[in-house]
Amino acid sequence: MTRADFYDWLIAKGCTIEPLTPGTRGNVIKIKSPRSNSYVYYNTPIDDRPVKCYSVCNICHQLYVDVPEECKKFEELATFIKNKHYPNK
């Protein structure tokens, strides 16, 4: 999955994109969840570079959206790591 594919997936799932304030340095956007006050910061540019499936699962879990079919094989691993190392989140 490329960055552009993942970005399109998040938009299709109802996430909203918020650019950071003009005084902030860096190439980052804020992606907000459609179901909660959760958000993640995501690096730009949105291009054809690949995104690791574990990262896709982790971000989808943080935003409470479905994981794309092509990355579902890593969903169990992402859940295991979250429960073991970040049990309170």
N, C-alpha and C. Protein backbone atom coordinates (compact mmCIF):
# COMPACT_ATOMS: atom_id res chain seq x y z
N MET A 1 0.85 -1.17 0.00
CA MET A 1 0.00 0.00 0.00
C MET A 1 0.90 1.24 0.00
N THR A 2 0.58 2.19 -0.86
CA THR A 2 1.36 3.42 -0.92
C THR A 2 0.76 4.47 0.02
N ARG A 3 1.52 5.53 0.23
CA ARG A 3 1.01 6.63 1.06
C ARG A 3 -0.27 7.21 0.47
N ALA A 4 -0.31 7.34 -0.84
CA ALA A 4 -1.50 7.89 -1.50
C ALA A 4 -2.70 6.97 -1.32
N ASP A 5 -2.49 5.66 -1.45
CA ASP A 5 -3.57 4.69 -1.24
C ASP A 5 -4.10 4.76 0.19
N PHE A 6 -3.17 4.84 1.15
CA PHE A 6 -3.58 4.88 2.54
C PHE A 6 -4.32 6.18 2.86
N TYR A 7 -3.85 7.27 2.32
CA TYR A 7 -4.51 8.57 2.50
C TYR A 7 -5.95 8.50 1.96
N ASP A 8 -6.11 7.95 0.77
CA ASP A 8 -7.44 7.80 0.17
C ASP A 8 -8.33 6.89 1.02
N TRP A 9 -7.75 5.84 1.59
CA TRP A 9 -8.49 4.92 2.46
C TRP A 9 -9.03 5.68 3.69
N LEU A 10 -8.18 6.47 4.31
CA LEU A 10 -8.60 7.22 5.50
C LEU A 10 -9.69 8.23 5.17
N ILE A 11 -9.58 8.90 4.04
CA ILE A 11 -10.61 9.87 3.62
C ILE A 11 -11.92 9.13 3.36
N ALA A 12 -11.85 7.97 2.71
CA ALA A 12 -13.06 7.19 2.43
C ALA A 12 -13.74 6.70 3.71
N LYS A 13 -12.97 6.52 4.77
CA LYS A 13 -13.52 6.06 6.04
C LYS A 13 -14.04 7.21 6.90
N GLY A 14 -13.97 8.44 6.38
CA GLY A 14 -14.56 9.57 7.08
C GLY A 14 -13.59 10.41 7.89
N CYS A 15 -12.31 10.11 7.83
CA CYS A 15 -11.33 10.91 8.56
C CYS A 15 -11.21 12.30 7.92
N THR A 16 -10.86 13.27 8.72
CA THR A 16 -10.67 14.63 8.21
C THR A 16 -9.20 15.01 8.35
N ILE A 17 -8.77 15.87 7.45
CA ILE A 17 -7.38 16.29 7.41
C ILE A 17 -7.29 17.74 7.88
N GLU A 18 -6.35 18.01 8.75
CA GLU A 18 -6.15 19.34 9.28
C GLU A 18 -4.69 19.73 9.11
N PRO A 19 -4.39 20.74 8.33
CA PRO A 19 -3.00 21.19 8.26
C PRO A 19 -2.60 21.84 9.58
N LEU A 20 -1.34 21.81 9.89
CA LEU A 20 -0.87 22.44 11.12
C LEU A 20 -0.79 23.95 10.94
N THR A 21 -0.66 24.66 12.03
CA THR A 21 -0.60 26.12 11.97
C THR A 21 0.60 26.57 11.13
N PRO A 22 0.49 27.73 10.50
CA PRO A 22 1.57 28.20 9.62
C PRO A 22 2.93 28.33 10.31
N GLY A 23 2.96 28.62 11.61
CA GLY A 23 4.23 28.77 12.31
C GLY A 23 4.93 27.46 12.60
N THR A 24 4.24 26.34 12.39
CA THR A 24 4.82 25.03 12.68
C THR A 24 5.71 24.60 11.51
N ARG A 25 6.88 24.16 11.84
CA ARG A 25 7.81 23.69 10.80
C ARG A 25 7.61 22.20 10.57
N GLY A 26 7.87 21.77 9.36
CA GLY A 26 7.79 20.35 9.04
C GLY A 26 6.69 20.05 8.06
N ASN A 27 6.77 18.89 7.51
CA ASN A 27 5.80 18.43 6.53
C ASN A 27 4.90 17.38 7.15
N VAL A 28 3.94 17.84 7.94
CA VAL A 28 3.06 16.94 8.67
C VAL A 28 1.63 17.45 8.57
N ILE A 29 0.68 16.52 8.50
CA ILE A 29 -0.74 16.87 8.56
C ILE A 29 -1.35 16.13 9.76
N LYS A 30 -2.45 16.63 10.24
CA LYS A 30 -3.15 16.02 11.35
C LYS A 30 -4.39 15.32 10.78
N ILE A 31 -4.51 14.03 11.06
CA ILE A 31 -5.65 13.25 10.59
C ILE A 31 -6.53 12.95 11.80
N LYS A 32 -7.79 13.39 11.73
CA LYS A 32 -8.71 13.22 12.85
C LYS A 32 -9.69 12.08 12.56
N SER A 33 -10.00 11.35 13.61
CA SER A 33 -10.91 10.21 13.52
C SER A 33 -12.35 10.68 13.35
N PRO A 34 -13.15 9.93 12.59
CA PRO A 34 -14.57 10.29 12.45
C PRO A 34 -15.40 9.87 13.66
N ARG A 35 -14.87 8.98 14.51
CA ARG A 35 -15.66 8.41 15.59
C ARG A 35 -15.29 8.91 16.98
N SER A 36 -14.19 9.59 17.13
CA SER A 36 -13.77 10.03 18.46
C SER A 36 -12.89 11.27 18.31
N ASN A 37 -12.32 11.70 19.40
CA ASN A 37 -11.41 12.85 19.36
C ASN A 37 -9.98 12.42 19.06
N SER A 38 -9.79 11.20 18.63
CA SER A 38 -8.46 10.67 18.33
C SER A 38 -7.90 11.31 17.06
N TYR A 39 -6.59 11.41 17.03
CA TYR A 39 -5.91 11.93 15.84
C TYR A 39 -4.50 11.37 15.79
N VAL A 40 -3.92 11.42 14.61
CA VAL A 40 -2.52 11.04 14.41
C VAL A 40 -1.89 12.11 13.52
N TYR A 41 -0.58 12.23 13.63
CA TYR A 41 0.17 13.09 12.73
C TYR A 41 0.78 12.21 11.66
N TYR A 42 0.69 12.65 10.41
CA TYR A 42 1.13 11.84 9.29
C TYR A 42 2.07 12.66 8.42
N ASN A 43 3.19 12.05 8.04
CA ASN A 43 4.19 12.75 7.23
C ASN A 43 3.71 12.95 5.80
N THR A 44 4.09 14.06 5.23
CA THR A 44 3.83 14.32 3.82
C THR A 44 5.18 14.31 3.10
N PRO A 45 5.27 14.24 1.83
CA PRO A 45 4.19 14.31 0.87
C PRO A 45 3.43 12.99 0.75
N ILE A 46 2.22 13.12 0.27
CA ILE A 46 1.40 11.93 0.00
C ILE A 46 1.76 11.49 -1.41
N ASP A 47 2.56 10.45 -1.50
CA ASP A 47 3.10 10.04 -2.80
C ASP A 47 3.04 8.52 -2.93
N ASP A 48 3.86 7.98 -3.81
CA ASP A 48 3.84 6.55 -4.11
C ASP A 48 4.81 5.73 -3.28
N ARG A 49 5.37 6.30 -2.22
CA ARG A 49 6.23 5.52 -1.34
C ARG A 49 5.39 4.53 -0.55
N PRO A 50 5.92 3.32 -0.32
CA PRO A 50 5.13 2.32 0.40
C PRO A 50 5.03 2.63 1.90
N VAL A 51 3.93 2.15 2.49
CA VAL A 51 3.71 2.24 3.93
C VAL A 51 3.69 0.81 4.45
N LYS A 52 4.38 0.56 5.56
CA LYS A 52 4.40 -0.79 6.13
C LYS A 52 3.03 -1.13 6.69
N CYS A 53 2.64 -2.39 6.50
CA CYS A 53 1.31 -2.84 6.94
C CYS A 53 1.14 -2.69 8.44
N TYR A 54 2.20 -2.90 9.21
CA TYR A 54 2.09 -2.73 10.65
C TYR A 54 1.72 -1.28 10.98
N SER A 55 2.33 -0.33 10.28
CA SER A 55 2.02 1.09 10.50
C SER A 55 0.58 1.40 10.12
N VAL A 56 0.11 0.83 9.04
CA VAL A 56 -1.28 1.02 8.62
C VAL A 56 -2.23 0.51 9.69
N CYS A 57 -1.97 -0.70 10.21
CA CYS A 57 -2.82 -1.26 11.27
C CYS A 57 -2.80 -0.39 12.51
N ASN A 58 -1.63 0.05 12.91
CA ASN A 58 -1.49 0.87 14.09
C ASN A 58 -2.27 2.18 13.96
N ILE A 59 -2.14 2.85 12.84
CA ILE A 59 -2.84 4.11 12.62
C ILE A 59 -4.35 3.88 12.55
N CYS A 60 -4.78 2.84 11.86
CA CYS A 60 -6.22 2.54 11.77
C CYS A 60 -6.81 2.27 13.15
N HIS A 61 -6.08 1.54 13.99
CA HIS A 61 -6.56 1.28 15.35
C HIS A 61 -6.65 2.58 16.15
N GLN A 62 -5.68 3.45 16.01
CA GLN A 62 -5.69 4.72 16.74
C GLN A 62 -6.85 5.61 16.31
N LEU A 63 -7.25 5.50 15.03
CA LEU A 63 -8.33 6.33 14.50
C LEU A 63 -9.68 5.62 14.53
N TYR A 64 -9.72 4.39 14.99
CA TYR A 64 -10.96 3.61 15.07
C TYR A 64 -11.62 3.44 13.70
N VAL A 65 -10.81 3.13 12.69
CA VAL A 65 -11.34 2.82 11.36
C VAL A 65 -10.91 1.41 10.98
N ASP A 66 -11.57 0.84 9.99
CA ASP A 66 -11.26 -0.51 9.52
C ASP A 66 -9.86 -0.56 8.91
N VAL A 67 -9.24 -1.71 9.04
CA VAL A 67 -7.92 -1.95 8.44
C VAL A 67 -8.14 -2.44 7.01
N PRO A 68 -7.38 -1.92 6.04
CA PRO A 68 -7.52 -2.40 4.66
C PRO A 68 -7.23 -3.90 4.56
N GLU A 69 -7.91 -4.55 3.66
CA GLU A 69 -7.81 -6.00 3.49
C GLU A 69 -6.36 -6.46 3.30
N GLU A 70 -5.59 -5.72 2.52
CA GLU A 70 -4.22 -6.15 2.24
C GLU A 70 -3.30 -6.09 3.45
N CYS A 71 -3.71 -5.41 4.51
CA CYS A 71 -2.89 -5.30 5.73
C CYS A 71 -3.47 -6.08 6.91
N LYS A 72 -4.58 -6.76 6.72
CA LYS A 72 -5.22 -7.48 7.82
C LYS A 72 -4.33 -8.56 8.42
N LYS A 73 -3.39 -9.09 7.65
CA LYS A 73 -2.53 -10.15 8.17
C LYS A 73 -1.63 -9.66 9.30
N PHE A 74 -1.45 -8.33 9.43
CA PHE A 74 -0.63 -7.76 10.49
C PHE A 74 -1.46 -7.22 11.65
N GLU A 75 -2.77 -7.31 11.54
CA GLU A 75 -3.64 -6.74 12.57
C GLU A 75 -3.45 -7.45 13.92
N GLU A 76 -3.32 -8.75 13.90
CA GLU A 76 -3.12 -9.50 15.14
C GLU A 76 -1.80 -9.10 15.81
N LEU A 77 -0.75 -8.92 15.04
CA LEU A 77 0.54 -8.50 15.57
C LEU A 77 0.44 -7.10 16.18
N ALA A 78 -0.21 -6.18 15.50
CA ALA A 78 -0.37 -4.82 16.01
C ALA A 78 -1.14 -4.81 17.32
N THR A 79 -2.18 -5.62 17.40
CA THR A 79 -2.97 -5.71 18.64
C THR A 79 -2.14 -6.31 19.76
N PHE A 80 -1.37 -7.34 19.47
CA PHE A 80 -0.52 -7.98 20.47
C PHE A 80 0.50 -6.98 21.04
N ILE A 81 1.18 -6.25 20.16
CA ILE A 81 2.18 -5.27 20.60
C ILE A 81 1.53 -4.16 21.42
N LYS A 82 0.37 -3.68 20.98
CA LYS A 82 -0.33 -2.63 21.73
C LYS A 82 -0.70 -3.12 23.12
N ASN A 83 -1.27 -4.31 23.22
CA ASN A 83 -1.69 -4.83 24.52
C ASN A 83 -0.52 -5.13 25.45
N LYS A 84 0.61 -5.54 24.88
CA LYS A 84 1.76 -5.86 25.71
C LYS A 84 2.52 -4.63 26.16
N HIS A 85 2.72 -3.66 25.27
CA HIS A 85 3.58 -2.52 25.57
C HIS A 85 2.81 -1.25 25.93
N TYR A 86 1.57 -1.16 25.51
CA TYR A 86 0.75 0.05 25.78
C TYR A 86 -0.63 -0.37 26.30
N PRO A 87 -0.69 -1.10 27.41
CA PRO A 87 -1.98 -1.65 27.86
C PRO A 87 -3.00 -0.61 28.29
N ASN A 88 -2.59 0.58 28.62
CA ASN A 88 -3.52 1.60 29.10
C ASN A 88 -4.07 2.50 28.01
N LYS A 89 -3.69 2.24 26.76
CA LYS A 89 -4.18 3.08 25.66
C LYS A 89 -5.23 2.37 24.88
